[in-house]
């Protein structure tokens, strides 16, 4: 089980870096689109694209950082990292296809008694 937990942690770190870098690139694209507003023939459309890119970037950067922190916590077997990874698995189910695969692997690896023991929790059914 330790191999699965380490692999899952590093996959979270990798997915977090990809998400954070994608968010930064969206923010840079939004800044570039904002500079085009002054010379655009349809400034409303360019502003709409700018706001969509900025919103996507502002959501992806913190989500990526949270994935990185969670992945590092999984590798270090920090108690809160298991719960964080399980919570992050829910929105990742919608990110086809890689987020879905990561979410299913997270649920499979973290929702068993071996994983609970590795993170200092008692097995299910034990008070």
C-alpha atoms as a PDB file:
ATOM      1  CA  UNK A   1       0.000   0.000   0.000  1.00  0.00           C
ATOM      2  CA  UNK A   2       2.914   2.346   0.659  1.00  0.00           C
ATOM      3  CA  UNK A   3       3.874   2.255  -3.021  1.00  0.00           C
ATOM      4  CA  UNK A   4       0.342   3.294  -3.987  1.00  0.00           C
ATOM      5  CA  UNK A   5       0.317   6.127  -1.472  1.00  0.00           C
ATOM      6  CA  UNK A   6       3.698   7.423  -2.668  1.00  0.00           C
ATOM      7  CA  UNK A   7       2.611   7.169  -6.302  1.00  0.00           C
ATOM      8  CA  UNK A   8      -0.645   8.927  -5.527  1.00  0.00           C
ATOM      9  CA  UNK A   9       1.224  11.705  -3.720  1.00  0.00           C
ATOM     10  CA  UNK A  10       3.580  12.327  -6.620  1.00  0.00           C
ATOM     11  CA  UNK A  11       0.699  12.224  -9.102  1.00  0.00           C
ATOM     12  CA  UNK A  12      -1.011  14.927  -7.049  1.00  0.00           C
ATOM     13  CA  UNK A  13       2.175  16.992  -7.113  1.00  0.00           C
ATOM     14  CA  UNK A  14       2.475  16.563 -10.882  1.00  0.00           C
ATOM     15  CA  UNK A  15      -1.185  17.413 -11.480  1.00  0.00           C
ATOM     16  CA  UNK A  16      -0.819  20.425  -9.201  1.00  0.00           C
ATOM     17  CA  UNK A  17       2.152  21.769 -11.140  1.00  0.00           C
ATOM     18  CA  UNK A  18       0.318  21.297 -14.418  1.00  0.00           C
ATOM     19  CA  UNK A  19      -2.749  23.061 -13.032  1.00  0.00           C
ATOM     20  CA  UNK A  20      -0.765  25.944 -11.548  1.00  0.00           C
ATOM     21  CA  UNK A  21       1.246  26.471 -14.735  1.00  0.00           C
ATOM     22  CA  UNK A  22      -1.934  26.358 -16.805  1.00  0.00           C
ATOM     23  CA  UNK A  23      -3.467  28.954 -14.509  1.00  0.00           C
ATOM     24  CA  UNK A  24      -0.439  31.226 -14.868  1.00  0.00           C
ATOM     25  CA  UNK A  25      -0.595  30.899 -18.656  1.00  0.00           C
ATOM     26  CA  UNK A  26      -4.306  31.798 -18.581  1.00  0.00           C
ATOM     27  CA  UNK A  27      -3.489  34.880 -16.511  1.00  0.00           C
ATOM     28  CA  UNK A  28      -0.799  35.888 -19.013  1.00  0.00           C
ATOM     29  CA  UNK A  29      -3.254  35.387 -21.881  1.00  0.00           C
ATOM     30  CA  UNK A  30      -5.799  37.518 -20.021  1.00  0.00           C
ATOM     31  CA  UNK A  31      -3.220  40.274 -19.611  1.00  0.00           C
ATOM     32  CA  UNK A  32      -2.434  40.095 -23.325  1.00  0.00           C
ATOM     33  CA  UNK A  33      -6.110  40.225 -24.227  1.00  0.00           C
ATOM     34  CA  UNK A  34      -6.584  43.215 -21.952  1.00  0.00           C
ATOM     35  CA  UNK A  35      -3.932  45.128 -23.866  1.00  0.00           C
ATOM     36  CA  UNK A  36      -5.874  44.492 -27.071  1.00  0.00           C
ATOM     37  CA  UNK A  37      -9.033  46.162 -25.765  1.00  0.00           C
ATOM     38  CA  UNK A  38      -7.917  49.651 -26.728  1.00  0.00           C
ATOM     39  CA  UNK A  39      -7.408  48.754 -30.395  1.00  0.00           C
ATOM     40  CA  UNK A  40     -10.237  46.249 -30.788  1.00  0.00           C
ATOM     41  CA  UNK A  41     -13.228  46.844 -33.010  1.00  0.00           C
ATOM     42  CA  UNK A  42     -15.408  44.833 -30.576  1.00  0.00           C
ATOM     43  CA  UNK A  43     -14.109  45.706 -27.091  1.00  0.00           C
ATOM     44  CA  UNK A  44     -16.996  43.928 -25.358  1.00  0.00           C
ATOM     45  CA  UNK A  45     -16.057  40.572 -26.827  1.00  0.00           C
ATOM     46  CA  UNK A  46     -12.382  41.021 -25.983  1.00  0.00           C
ATOM     47  CA  UNK A  47     -13.266  41.994 -22.413  1.00  0.00           C
ATOM     48  CA  UNK A  48     -15.467  38.925 -22.073  1.00  0.00           C
ATOM     49  CA  UNK A  49     -12.570  36.704 -23.159  1.00  0.00           C
ATOM     50  CA  UNK A  50     -10.265  38.584 -20.802  1.00  0.00           C
ATOM     51  CA  UNK A  51     -12.561  37.995 -17.822  1.00  0.00           C
ATOM     52  CA  UNK A  52     -13.064  34.313 -18.644  1.00  0.00           C
ATOM     53  CA  UNK A  53      -9.308  33.749 -18.942  1.00  0.00           C
ATOM     54  CA  UNK A  54      -8.634  35.678 -15.738  1.00  0.00           C
ATOM     55  CA  UNK A  55     -11.313  33.771 -13.816  1.00  0.00           C
ATOM     56  CA  UNK A  56      -9.985  30.429 -15.037  1.00  0.00           C
ATOM     57  CA  UNK A  57      -6.434  31.415 -14.111  1.00  0.00           C
ATOM     58  CA  UNK A  58      -7.469  32.639 -10.675  1.00  0.00           C
ATOM     59  CA  UNK A  59      -9.184  29.314 -10.011  1.00  0.00           C
ATOM     60  CA  UNK A  60      -6.437  27.070 -11.395  1.00  0.00           C
ATOM     61  CA  UNK A  61      -3.451  28.615  -9.607  1.00  0.00           C
ATOM     62  CA  UNK A  62      -4.746  28.105  -6.035  1.00  0.00           C
ATOM     63  CA  UNK A  63      -6.188  24.704  -6.946  1.00  0.00           C
ATOM     64  CA  UNK A  64      -2.795  23.669  -8.329  1.00  0.00           C
ATOM     65  CA  UNK A  65      -0.999  24.856  -5.221  1.00  0.00           C
ATOM     66  CA  UNK A  66      -3.503  22.949  -3.071  1.00  0.00           C
ATOM     67  CA  UNK A  67      -2.860  19.804  -5.127  1.00  0.00           C
ATOM     68  CA  UNK A  68       0.905  20.233  -4.653  1.00  0.00           C
ATOM     69  CA  UNK A  69       0.543  20.677  -0.891  1.00  0.00           C
ATOM     70  CA  UNK A  70      -1.788  17.685  -0.701  1.00  0.00           C
ATOM     71  CA  UNK A  71       0.598  15.523  -2.718  1.00  0.00           C
ATOM     72  CA  UNK A  72       3.520  16.437  -0.501  1.00  0.00           C
ATOM     73  CA  UNK A  73       1.374  15.645   2.519  1.00  0.00           C
ATOM     74  CA  UNK A  74       0.458  12.242   1.094  1.00  0.00           C
ATOM     75  CA  UNK A  75       4.110  11.370   0.579  1.00  0.00           C
ATOM     76  CA  UNK A  76       4.914  12.510   4.144  1.00  0.00           C
ATOM     77  CA  UNK A  77       1.809  10.674   5.498  1.00  0.00           C
ATOM     78  CA  UNK A  78       0.377  13.775   7.155  1.00  0.00           C
ATOM     79  CA  UNK A  79      -3.008  13.126   8.696  1.00  0.00           C
ATOM     80  CA  UNK A  80      -4.886  15.958   6.953  1.00  0.00           C
ATOM     81  CA  UNK A  81      -3.518  15.065   3.527  1.00  0.00           C
ATOM     82  CA  UNK A  82      -5.717  11.980   3.243  1.00  0.00           C
ATOM     83  CA  UNK A  83      -8.882  13.987   3.868  1.00  0.00           C
ATOM     84  CA  UNK A  84      -7.683  16.743   1.542  1.00  0.00           C
ATOM     85  CA  UNK A  85      -6.993  14.260  -1.259  1.00  0.00           C
ATOM     86  CA  UNK A  86     -10.431  12.715  -0.802  1.00  0.00           C
ATOM     87  CA  UNK A  87     -12.047  16.150  -0.970  1.00  0.00           C
ATOM     88  CA  UNK A  88     -10.039  17.061  -4.078  1.00  0.00           C
ATOM     89  CA  UNK A  89     -11.135  13.820  -5.739  1.00  0.00           C
ATOM     90  CA  UNK A  90     -14.723  15.073  -6.008  1.00  0.00           C
ATOM     91  CA  UNK A  91     -14.095  18.040  -8.372  1.00  0.00           C
ATOM     92  CA  UNK A  92     -11.379  16.066 -10.168  1.00  0.00           C
ATOM     93  CA  UNK A  93     -14.010  13.570 -11.267  1.00  0.00           C
ATOM     94  CA  UNK A  94     -15.250  16.224 -13.715  1.00  0.00           C
ATOM     95  CA  UNK A  95     -11.812  16.889 -15.235  1.00  0.00           C
ATOM     96  CA  UNK A  96     -11.848  14.326 -18.036  1.00  0.00           C
ATOM     97  CA  UNK A  97      -9.828  12.136 -18.599  1.00  0.00           C
ATOM     98  CA  UNK A  98      -6.784  12.617 -16.345  1.00  0.00           C
ATOM     99  CA  UNK A  99      -8.554  14.206 -13.388  1.00  0.00           C
ATOM    100  CA  UNK A 100     -11.110  11.427 -13.430  1.00  0.00           C
ATOM    101  CA  UNK A 101      -8.398   8.768 -13.434  1.00  0.00           C
ATOM    102  CA  UNK A 102      -6.579  10.527 -10.582  1.00  0.00           C
ATOM    103  CA  UNK A 103      -9.814  10.837  -8.610  1.00  0.00           C
ATOM    104  CA  UNK A 104     -10.709   7.161  -9.034  1.00  0.00           C
ATOM    105  CA  UNK A 105      -7.167   6.131  -8.055  1.00  0.00           C
ATOM    106  CA  UNK A 106      -7.356   8.450  -5.023  1.00  0.00           C
ATOM    107  CA  UNK A 107     -10.638   6.971  -3.893  1.00  0.00           C
ATOM    108  CA  UNK A 108      -9.392   3.422  -4.427  1.00  0.00           C
ATOM    109  CA  UNK A 109      -6.097   3.982  -2.612  1.00  0.00           C
ATOM    110  CA  UNK A 110      -7.352   6.084   0.296  1.00  0.00           C
ATOM    111  CA  UNK A 111     -10.680   4.466   1.185  1.00  0.00           C
ATOM    112  CA  UNK A 112      -9.377   1.274   2.755  1.00  0.00           C
ATOM    113  CA  UNK A 113      -8.141   0.227   6.164  1.00  0.00           C
ATOM    114  CA  UNK A 114      -4.474   0.024   5.139  1.00  0.00           C
ATOM    115  CA  UNK A 115      -4.495   3.678   4.090  1.00  0.00           C
ATOM    116  CA  UNK A 116      -6.335   4.652   7.259  1.00  0.00           C
ATOM    117  CA  UNK A 117      -3.641   2.942   9.328  1.00  0.00           C
ATOM    118  CA  UNK A 118      -0.850   4.589   7.313  1.00  0.00           C
ATOM    119  CA  UNK A 119      -2.289   8.007   8.179  1.00  0.00           C
ATOM    120  CA  UNK A 120      -2.754   7.215  11.873  1.00  0.00           C
ATOM    121  CA  UNK A 121      -6.487   6.506  11.786  1.00  0.00           C
ATOM    122  CA  UNK A 122      -8.106   3.370  13.227  1.00  0.00           C
ATOM    123  CA  UNK A 123      -9.635   0.883  10.779  1.00  0.00           C
ATOM    124  CA  UNK A 124     -13.342   1.141  10.068  1.00  0.00           C
ATOM    125  CA  UNK A 125     -15.528  -0.506  12.655  1.00  0.00           C
ATOM    126  CA  UNK A 126     -13.011   0.013  15.487  1.00  0.00           C
ATOM    127  CA  UNK A 127     -13.983   2.631  18.068  1.00  0.00           C
END
